[in-house]
Amino acid sequence: MRTPLNLITGKLIGKLIFLSLFLLAVNNTPAQEKPYSLGINTGIANFESLSTPVSGLQFTIFYEFPTWFTKAFNFQAALFYLRKTEFFLPEDSNGNYYPYFYGASFSGVMRQRIKDIFFAEEQAGLLVFKNKFFSNLDAVNYGISFGAFAGIDLRENFEKGFLLSIGYKGAITFNGDTPTINSFLIQTQYFF
């Protein structure tokens, strides 16, 4: 006859064995050998929110890390800021309102080697951002982001070092004023 103490002890031992096997498997996963990276990109953008589009400058900082279940792609977490171009001009600071967005995205990133040091990169994921397109608008929007980049790989043995690329990144949202973003960016990324 099994007592409640025996049942609890048996379940606890089973969970410890499972946890030990899981940690052993994760520790030996080849994806753990892939390097992590930090990067930034900046460029011009066209953005709107139920209005005529305006041009702006976009700044993004991101962190890329390997997945534990496949070598085919990495994950990328990013923070971005986008503001109308005139905001950055020194002679135009007379109290005007300049539309802006800021937010975060989480994407999957696939990279393919084209030839020698040249590569292509695709991204797709989810994003959330604060929509401050109008002075009286204070909305949070959710949607998808997507992009494509091409560039050169300056890493030693394709592991540690820099990637330099140019490309396009866009975003479409599905709630509120359904803002959209279209950006053309220059990107640098350091793998460590």
Protein backbone atom coordinates (compact mmCIF):
# COMPACT_ATOMS: atom_id res chain seq x y z
CA MET A 1 0.00 0.00 0.00
CA ARG A 2 1.36 3.41 -1.03
CA THR A 3 1.21 6.19 1.49
CA PRO A 4 0.89 9.88 0.54
CA LEU A 5 4.52 10.40 1.56
CA ASN A 6 5.67 7.66 -0.87
CA LEU A 7 3.61 9.24 -3.69
CA ILE A 8 5.09 12.70 -3.07
CA THR A 9 8.64 11.30 -2.83
CA GLY A 10 8.18 9.30 -6.05
CA LYS A 11 6.89 12.33 -7.96
CA LEU A 12 9.71 14.49 -6.61
CA ILE A 13 12.36 11.97 -7.66
CA GLY A 14 10.76 11.70 -11.13
CA LYS A 15 10.82 15.49 -11.53
CA LEU A 16 14.44 15.69 -10.41
CA ILE A 17 15.44 12.99 -12.92
CA PHE A 18 13.55 14.79 -15.70
CA LEU A 19 15.13 18.14 -14.77
CA SER A 20 18.62 16.59 -14.70
CA LEU A 21 18.15 15.00 -18.14
CA PHE A 22 16.75 18.26 -19.54
CA LEU A 23 19.70 20.30 -18.23
CA LEU A 24 22.15 17.73 -19.59
CA ALA A 25 20.48 17.86 -23.03
CA VAL A 26 20.39 21.66 -23.10
CA ASN A 27 24.02 21.87 -22.02
CA ASN A 28 25.06 19.71 -25.00
CA THR A 29 22.85 21.41 -27.59
CA PRO A 30 24.92 22.66 -30.54
CA ALA A 31 22.98 25.94 -30.60
CA GLN A 32 24.61 26.84 -27.32
CA GLU A 33 27.89 27.16 -29.19
CA LYS A 34 26.49 29.87 -31.47
CA PRO A 35 27.61 33.36 -30.50
CA TYR A 36 25.40 36.10 -29.13
CA SER A 37 25.38 39.59 -30.59
CA LEU A 38 24.54 43.22 -29.97
CA GLY A 39 23.70 45.61 -32.76
CA ILE A 40 22.33 48.95 -33.80
CA ASN A 41 20.67 50.26 -36.91
CA THR A 42 19.63 53.70 -38.04
CA GLY A 43 18.09 55.20 -41.11
CA ILE A 44 15.21 57.02 -42.71
CA ALA A 45 11.61 55.98 -42.25
CA ASN A 46 8.17 56.73 -43.54
CA PHE A 47 5.43 56.35 -40.91
CA GLU A 48 1.74 57.14 -40.52
CA SER A 49 -1.28 56.71 -38.28
CA LEU A 50 -4.56 57.38 -40.15
CA SER A 51 -2.90 60.37 -41.76
CA THR A 52 -0.59 61.31 -44.56
CA PRO A 53 2.82 59.69 -44.08
CA VAL A 54 5.69 61.71 -42.64
CA SER A 55 9.42 61.12 -42.97
CA GLY A 56 11.49 60.41 -39.91
CA LEU A 57 14.68 59.01 -38.47
CA GLN A 58 14.72 55.61 -36.78
CA PHE A 59 17.20 54.33 -34.17
CA THR A 60 17.21 50.72 -32.98
CA ILE A 61 19.32 48.74 -30.54
CA PHE A 62 18.97 44.96 -30.49
CA TYR A 63 20.25 41.78 -28.89
CA GLU A 64 20.41 38.54 -30.90
CA PHE A 65 20.69 35.14 -29.27
CA PRO A 66 20.63 31.52 -30.46
CA THR A 67 17.62 29.24 -30.14
CA TRP A 68 18.08 26.08 -28.16
CA PHE A 69 15.97 23.94 -30.49
CA THR A 70 17.39 24.66 -33.97
CA LYS A 71 20.40 26.11 -35.78
CA ALA A 72 18.23 27.48 -38.60
CA PHE A 73 17.52 30.84 -36.99
CA ASN A 74 18.16 33.10 -34.01
CA PHE A 75 15.89 35.30 -31.92
CA GLN A 76 16.27 39.06 -31.80
CA ALA A 77 14.88 41.42 -29.14
CA ALA A 78 14.93 45.10 -30.13
CA LEU A 79 14.05 48.56 -28.80
CA PHE A 80 13.37 51.32 -31.32
CA TYR A 81 12.64 55.05 -31.48
CA LEU A 82 11.25 56.83 -34.53
CA ARG A 83 10.64 60.58 -34.84
CA LYS A 84 9.79 63.08 -37.56
CA THR A 85 12.96 64.35 -39.25
CA GLU A 86 12.41 68.05 -38.50
CA PHE A 87 12.73 67.36 -34.75
CA PHE A 88 16.48 66.78 -35.24
CA LEU A 89 17.11 70.05 -37.09
CA PRO A 90 18.57 72.71 -34.77
CA GLU A 91 16.92 75.71 -36.44
CA ASP A 92 13.41 74.26 -36.06
CA SER A 93 12.97 74.24 -32.28
CA ASN A 94 10.13 76.73 -31.80
CA GLY A 95 7.79 74.46 -29.84
CA ASN A 96 6.21 72.53 -32.72
CA TYR A 97 4.89 69.01 -32.13
CA TYR A 98 6.77 66.26 -33.97
CA PRO A 99 5.16 62.79 -34.28
CA TYR A 100 7.03 59.83 -32.84
CA PHE A 101 6.77 56.11 -32.02
CA TYR A 102 8.82 54.06 -29.57
CA GLY A 103 8.56 50.41 -28.72
CA ALA A 104 9.94 46.88 -28.78
CA SER A 105 9.94 43.91 -31.11
CA PHE A 106 10.76 40.22 -30.86
CA SER A 107 11.70 38.50 -34.13
CA GLY A 108 13.13 35.38 -35.66
CA VAL A 109 16.21 35.99 -37.83
CA MET A 110 17.49 33.75 -40.64
CA ARG A 111 20.82 34.39 -42.34
CA GLN A 112 22.15 32.76 -45.53
CA ARG A 113 25.60 33.02 -47.01
CA ILE A 114 25.44 34.14 -50.64
CA LYS A 115 29.10 34.04 -51.69
CA ASP A 116 32.33 34.39 -49.73
CA ILE A 117 31.66 37.15 -47.19
CA PHE A 118 28.26 38.27 -48.56
CA PHE A 119 25.04 37.30 -46.83
CA ALA A 120 21.28 37.89 -46.86
CA GLU A 121 19.11 38.10 -43.77
CA GLU A 122 15.35 37.88 -43.22
CA GLN A 123 13.38 38.83 -40.12
CA ALA A 124 9.78 38.41 -39.00
CA GLY A 125 8.18 38.83 -35.60
CA LEU A 126 5.87 40.68 -33.25
CA LEU A 127 6.03 44.26 -32.01
CA VAL A 128 4.37 46.62 -29.59
CA PHE A 129 4.85 50.39 -29.53
CA LYS A 130 3.57 53.64 -28.13
CA ASN A 131 1.85 55.71 -30.81
CA LYS A 132 2.37 59.47 -30.29
CA PHE A 133 1.66 60.52 -33.87
CA PHE A 134 -0.64 63.35 -32.75
CA SER A 135 -0.20 65.45 -29.62
CA ASN A 136 -3.56 64.25 -28.24
CA LEU A 137 -2.95 60.58 -29.14
CA ASP A 138 -1.48 58.24 -26.54
CA ALA A 139 -2.14 54.69 -27.81
CA VAL A 140 -0.41 51.34 -27.61
CA ASN A 141 -0.40 49.39 -30.87
CA TYR A 142 0.34 45.71 -31.54
CA GLY A 143 1.36 44.15 -34.82
CA ILE A 144 3.96 42.35 -36.88
CA SER A 145 7.39 43.39 -38.12
CA PHE A 146 9.30 42.06 -41.09
CA GLY A 147 12.52 42.90 -42.86
CA ALA A 148 15.33 41.94 -45.20
CA PHE A 149 19.00 42.92 -45.11
CA ALA A 150 22.08 42.22 -47.24
CA GLY A 151 25.67 42.86 -46.33
CA ILE A 152 29.16 41.64 -45.60
CA ASP A 153 30.30 39.30 -42.86
CA LEU A 154 33.60 40.36 -41.26
CA ARG A 155 33.64 37.68 -38.55
CA GLU A 156 36.61 35.39 -38.02
CA ASN A 157 35.52 31.85 -38.96
CA PHE A 158 31.96 33.23 -39.07
CA GLU A 159 31.80 33.23 -35.27
CA LYS A 160 33.09 36.43 -33.60
CA GLY A 161 33.26 39.86 -35.13
CA PHE A 162 31.18 42.35 -37.10
CA LEU A 163 28.41 42.19 -39.69
CA LEU A 164 27.64 45.30 -41.77
CA SER A 165 24.43 45.49 -43.78
CA ILE A 166 21.75 47.65 -45.35
CA GLY A 167 18.11 46.79 -45.71
CA TYR A 168 14.41 47.36 -45.24
CA LYS A 169 12.26 46.90 -42.15
CA GLY A 170 8.51 47.37 -41.99
CA ALA A 171 5.72 47.11 -39.45
CA ILE A 172 1.94 46.78 -39.67
CA THR A 173 -0.37 47.02 -36.67
CA PHE A 174 -3.90 45.70 -36.20
CA ASN A 175 -5.50 47.86 -33.53
CA GLY A 176 -6.32 51.50 -32.86
CA ASP A 177 -5.27 53.84 -35.64
CA THR A 178 -3.39 51.01 -37.42
CA PRO A 179 -0.07 52.83 -37.85
CA THR A 180 2.52 51.52 -40.29
CA ILE A 181 6.29 51.95 -40.56
CA ASN A 182 8.60 51.57 -43.58
CA SER A 183 12.31 52.02 -42.86
CA PHE A 184 15.53 51.85 -44.88
CA LEU A 185 18.38 51.16 -42.48
CA ILE A 186 22.13 50.79 -42.12
CA GLN A 187 22.97 48.12 -39.57
CA THR A 188 26.05 46.98 -37.68
CA GLN A 189 26.19 43.98 -35.39
CA TYR A 190 28.94 42.54 -33.18
CA PHE A 191 29.02 38.81 -32.36
CA PHE A 192 30.82 37.80 -29.18
